[in-house]
Each structure stands twice: as structure tokens, then as C-alpha cells.
Amino acid sequence: MARYAASIALHQLGVPYNLRAIAFQDMEQKSEWFLKINPNDRIPAIVDHKNNDFAVFETSAILLYLAQHYDPENKLSYDPVKEPNLYSEVIQWLCFVHGGLGPMQGQANHFRYQEETKRLYSVIEKRLEGRDWLVGTRYTIADIKAFPWIEGAAWAGIDFKEFPNIHGWVNRIRERPGAYEGRGVPIRVDYEQ
């Protein structure tokens, strides 16, 4: 689920890229060339050929990198100097998804973490009361980070009927140009609720 966040951000920012799918069945993620990109042998990971082949791994780090290097107009974040509090909130929500929602939902079916995942959804549900986006008045990398996990709620045994604010938020993101394209990299998975 997290892998879609990077491609969604790339599409939202209009950054052209080439996809290199990893053959997990052949253990390609353990190959020397990939370990140079991500020593933790996981996806997603990117290499910025416009920046001396600089490699970035971990979804949140990729989103921050893309915002810093390819979003000068702050379409997906806030300026850390001009709007430091809003920028801090974006970082806080990235960390919330990275350290809480992602790991819990990733284990929800296998290890029966549904109750903790629902609790985390309730935090986001409350956050979205009276607002369209997680931070401030616009869509940011915090929304992009949370979206792929939350869109797959049914996979984790969670029904959006309990979370109407989240359901509306998911639909707003689905309607955004670039979000649909980004969700199809490398394959499209459509979740319906």
C-alpha cells in the first residue's frame, strides 16, 4: 500500500519517471544493485538521475524529498520558513502514518490488529471533522502518505460506514488529477467501499 504514495506524489507533481519493477519471486530486492539504492531491500525506492543519481528509500523520506526538490510552489506541503506550524503538522501526520497506521494496518488481517487499526482510523476521523485535508486547507504529502493505506481499509477488515469523514476524504483524493494514475503503478488495485 505504501508503495503507491510515491507514484501518486510523482503524478501530482507532474514529475516524469521510469518505473523499474522488482521481481520479488527471484529475490531481486536482495541483489547488489538494489541494495545500493535501499540497504533494507524494500520498496518503494527512487533514484533521482537529475541529482547525481541520489537514492531515497522509505515512503515518508521519498515524499519529503519530492516536496523539497520538485514542489517549489508547495502544492503538496507547506513552506517550512513561511508556514512552520503547518509544515510541522505535515511532518507529524507523516510520522503518524509511518509509525502507526501503516504498520498496524499492514498486520491487521494476519495478526488481528483490527482494533488498534480502528483506533488509529478514529484519530484521523476526528482530525477530518470540519476539514477536507489532514493539514491546513490543502492536500499535502500527509494525505498522500495516509491515502493508500486507508483506501485499502476493506482489506484490513474496516468498513468506511464507521468513518464518514474518512470516506469523504478518500473520495476527494480519488477525484484528484494524478491520484488515479499514481495508484496504478506498477499495477492497479481498486478498492471499493
Protein backbone atom coordinates (compact mmCIF):
# COMPACT_ATOMS: atom_id res chain seq x y z
CA MET A 1 0.00 0.00 0.00
CA ALA A 2 2.75 2.44 0.90
CA ARG A 3 4.36 1.94 -2.50
CA TYR A 4 1.53 3.88 -4.16
CA ALA A 5 2.25 7.06 -2.20
CA ALA A 6 5.48 7.74 -4.13
CA SER A 7 3.86 7.29 -7.54
CA ILE A 8 0.83 9.38 -6.51
CA ALA A 9 3.14 12.23 -5.47
CA LEU A 10 5.14 11.94 -8.70
CA HIS A 11 1.94 12.16 -10.74
CA GLN A 12 0.51 15.00 -8.64
CA LEU A 13 3.70 16.99 -9.19
CA GLY A 14 3.95 16.07 -12.87
CA VAL A 15 7.45 14.63 -12.42
CA PRO A 16 8.29 12.22 -15.24
CA TYR A 17 9.83 8.94 -14.14
CA ASN A 18 10.74 5.47 -15.33
CA LEU A 19 9.44 2.51 -13.37
CA ARG A 20 11.67 -0.44 -12.63
CA ALA A 21 9.56 -3.26 -11.22
CA ILE A 22 11.36 -5.60 -8.83
CA ALA A 23 10.99 -9.38 -9.31
CA PHE A 24 10.40 -10.44 -5.71
CA GLN A 25 9.89 -14.06 -6.74
CA ASP A 26 13.51 -14.01 -7.97
CA MET A 27 14.71 -12.20 -4.81
CA GLU A 28 15.83 -9.27 -6.98
CA GLN A 29 15.45 -6.97 -3.97
CA LYS A 30 18.47 -8.76 -2.45
CA SER A 31 20.67 -8.06 -5.47
CA GLU A 32 23.71 -5.85 -5.07
CA TRP A 33 22.41 -3.16 -7.42
CA PHE A 34 19.16 -2.75 -5.47
CA LEU A 35 20.84 -2.84 -2.05
CA LYS A 36 22.85 0.19 -3.16
CA ILE A 37 19.53 2.02 -3.56
CA ASN A 38 17.86 0.60 -0.46
CA PRO A 39 20.03 -1.31 2.01
CA ASN A 40 16.81 -2.51 3.69
CA ASP A 41 15.73 -4.30 0.45
CA ARG A 42 12.18 -2.90 0.40
CA ILE A 43 10.05 -0.86 -1.98
CA PRO A 44 9.46 1.89 -2.80
CA ALA A 45 12.83 3.43 -3.51
CA ILE A 46 13.75 6.07 -6.05
CA VAL A 47 16.89 7.27 -7.80
CA ASP A 48 16.94 10.90 -8.89
CA HIS A 49 19.05 11.00 -12.04
CA LYS A 50 18.78 14.80 -12.10
CA ASN A 51 20.54 14.91 -8.73
CA ASN A 52 23.67 12.80 -9.33
CA ASP A 53 21.71 9.52 -9.06
CA PHE A 54 20.75 10.31 -5.48
CA ALA A 55 18.85 7.36 -3.96
CA VAL A 56 15.99 7.73 -1.49
CA PHE A 57 14.18 4.91 0.31
CA GLU A 58 11.26 4.75 2.78
CA THR A 59 7.98 6.24 1.65
CA SER A 60 7.96 9.21 4.03
CA ALA A 61 11.54 10.11 3.10
CA ILE A 62 10.63 9.90 -0.60
CA LEU A 63 7.61 12.18 -0.09
CA LEU A 64 9.71 14.72 1.80
CA TYR A 65 12.43 14.55 -0.86
CA LEU A 66 9.93 15.10 -3.68
CA ALA A 67 8.36 18.02 -1.81
CA GLN A 68 11.77 19.60 -1.20
CA HIS A 69 13.14 19.11 -4.71
CA TYR A 70 10.11 19.12 -7.02
CA ASP A 71 7.46 21.22 -5.30
CA PRO A 72 8.78 24.80 -5.22
CA GLU A 73 5.22 26.13 -5.16
CA ASN A 74 4.38 23.98 -2.11
CA LYS A 75 1.42 22.30 -3.80
CA LEU A 76 1.83 19.22 -1.59
CA SER A 77 3.31 20.71 1.55
CA TYR A 78 3.89 23.99 3.33
CA ASP A 79 6.92 26.24 3.35
CA PRO A 80 8.95 25.39 6.49
CA VAL A 81 10.08 29.02 6.84
CA LYS A 82 6.89 30.91 5.95
CA GLU A 83 4.42 28.43 7.46
CA PRO A 84 6.45 26.47 10.04
CA ASN A 85 3.49 25.31 12.12
CA LEU A 86 1.62 23.90 9.12
CA TYR A 87 4.85 22.31 7.87
CA SER A 88 5.32 20.74 11.30
CA GLU A 89 1.78 19.35 11.17
CA VAL A 90 2.55 17.73 7.80
CA ILE A 91 5.61 16.05 9.34
CA GLN A 92 3.57 14.95 12.37
CA TRP A 93 0.93 13.27 10.19
CA LEU A 94 3.60 11.63 8.04
CA CYS A 95 5.11 10.18 11.22
CA PHE A 96 1.69 9.09 12.49
CA VAL A 97 1.03 7.08 9.34
CA HIS A 98 4.60 5.81 9.06
CA GLY A 99 4.88 4.60 12.65
CA GLY A 100 1.26 3.80 13.49
CA LEU A 101 -1.33 3.38 10.78
CA GLY A 102 0.93 1.70 8.21
CA PRO A 103 2.39 -0.99 10.49
CA MET A 104 -0.90 -1.72 12.25
CA GLN A 105 -3.00 -1.94 9.10
CA GLY A 106 -0.28 -3.93 7.40
CA GLN A 107 -0.74 -6.57 10.09
CA ALA A 108 -4.48 -6.16 10.62
CA ASN A 109 -5.55 -9.40 8.99
CA HIS A 110 -2.53 -11.53 9.68
CA PHE A 111 -2.01 -10.68 13.33
CA ARG A 112 -5.51 -9.48 14.19
CA TYR A 113 -4.62 -5.85 14.79
CA GLN A 114 -8.03 -4.60 13.67
CA GLU A 115 -8.90 -2.90 16.97
CA GLU A 116 -5.71 -0.84 17.01
CA THR A 117 -6.17 -0.02 13.32
CA LYS A 118 -9.73 1.14 14.03
CA ARG A 119 -8.44 3.28 16.89
CA LEU A 120 -5.95 4.91 14.52
CA TYR A 121 -8.74 5.46 11.98
CA SER A 122 -10.74 7.18 14.72
CA VAL A 123 -7.84 9.60 15.25
CA ILE A 124 -7.93 10.50 11.56
CA GLU A 125 -11.75 10.58 11.55
CA LYS A 126 -11.70 13.16 14.35
CA ARG A 127 -8.94 15.12 12.64
CA LEU A 128 -11.06 15.38 9.48
CA GLU A 129 -14.08 16.80 11.33
CA GLY A 130 -14.94 20.04 9.57
CA ARG A 131 -11.95 19.91 7.26
CA ASP A 132 -11.14 18.50 3.83
CA TRP A 133 -7.47 17.63 4.41
CA LEU A 134 -5.25 16.47 7.24
CA VAL A 135 -3.27 19.72 7.44
CA GLY A 136 -4.43 23.25 6.77
CA THR A 137 -6.63 23.96 3.80
CA ARG A 138 -4.92 21.93 1.11
CA TYR A 139 -3.95 18.45 0.07
CA THR A 140 -0.40 17.59 1.18
CA ILE A 141 2.09 14.75 1.32
CA ALA A 142 0.49 13.81 4.66
CA ASP A 143 -2.72 12.98 2.78
CA ILE A 144 -0.74 11.15 0.10
CA LYS A 145 1.05 9.06 2.73
CA ALA A 146 -2.16 8.03 4.52
CA PHE A 147 -4.35 7.53 1.46
CA PRO A 148 -3.04 4.20 0.08
CA TRP A 149 -3.34 2.57 3.49
CA ILE A 150 -6.79 3.94 4.21
CA GLU A 151 -8.10 3.26 0.73
CA GLY A 152 -7.38 -0.41 1.43
CA ALA A 153 -9.49 -0.40 4.60
CA ALA A 154 -11.66 -3.32 3.46
CA TRP A 155 -8.56 -5.49 3.15
CA ALA A 156 -7.90 -4.82 6.83
CA GLY A 157 -11.50 -5.61 7.80
CA ILE A 158 -12.55 -1.99 8.29
CA ASP A 159 -15.80 -0.55 6.95
CA PHE A 160 -15.98 3.12 5.99
CA LYS A 161 -19.54 3.27 7.38
CA GLU A 162 -17.95 3.84 10.79
CA PHE A 163 -15.81 6.66 9.40
CA PRO A 164 -17.83 9.08 7.22
CA ASN A 165 -15.22 11.85 7.35
CA ILE A 166 -12.55 9.44 6.14
CA HIS A 167 -14.86 8.12 3.43
CA GLY A 168 -15.39 11.66 2.09
CA TRP A 169 -11.65 12.35 2.28
CA VAL A 170 -10.86 9.16 0.30
CA ASN A 171 -13.37 10.17 -2.37
CA ARG A 172 -11.87 13.68 -2.62
CA ILE A 173 -8.42 12.18 -3.18
CA ARG A 174 -9.71 9.68 -5.73
CA GLU A 175 -11.07 12.62 -7.75
CA ARG A 176 -7.74 14.45 -7.87
CA PRO A 177 -5.86 14.51 -11.17
CA GLY A 178 -2.80 12.29 -10.83
CA ALA A 179 -4.12 10.23 -7.92
CA TYR A 180 -5.76 7.67 -10.20
CA GLU A 181 -2.64 7.37 -12.36
CA GLY A 182 -0.35 7.11 -9.36
CA ARG A 183 -2.46 4.33 -7.84
CA GLY A 184 -1.82 2.22 -10.92
CA VAL A 185 1.95 1.92 -10.50
CA PRO A 186 3.13 -0.75 -11.07
CA ILE A 187 -0.33 -2.40 -11.07
CA ARG A 188 -3.78 -1.01 -10.39
CA VAL A 189 -5.63 -2.20 -7.33
CA ASP A 190 -9.08 -0.72 -6.96
CA TYR A 191 -10.69 -0.86 -3.55
CA GLU A 192 -14.38 -0.21 -3.30
CA GLN A 193 -16.32 0.78 -0.19
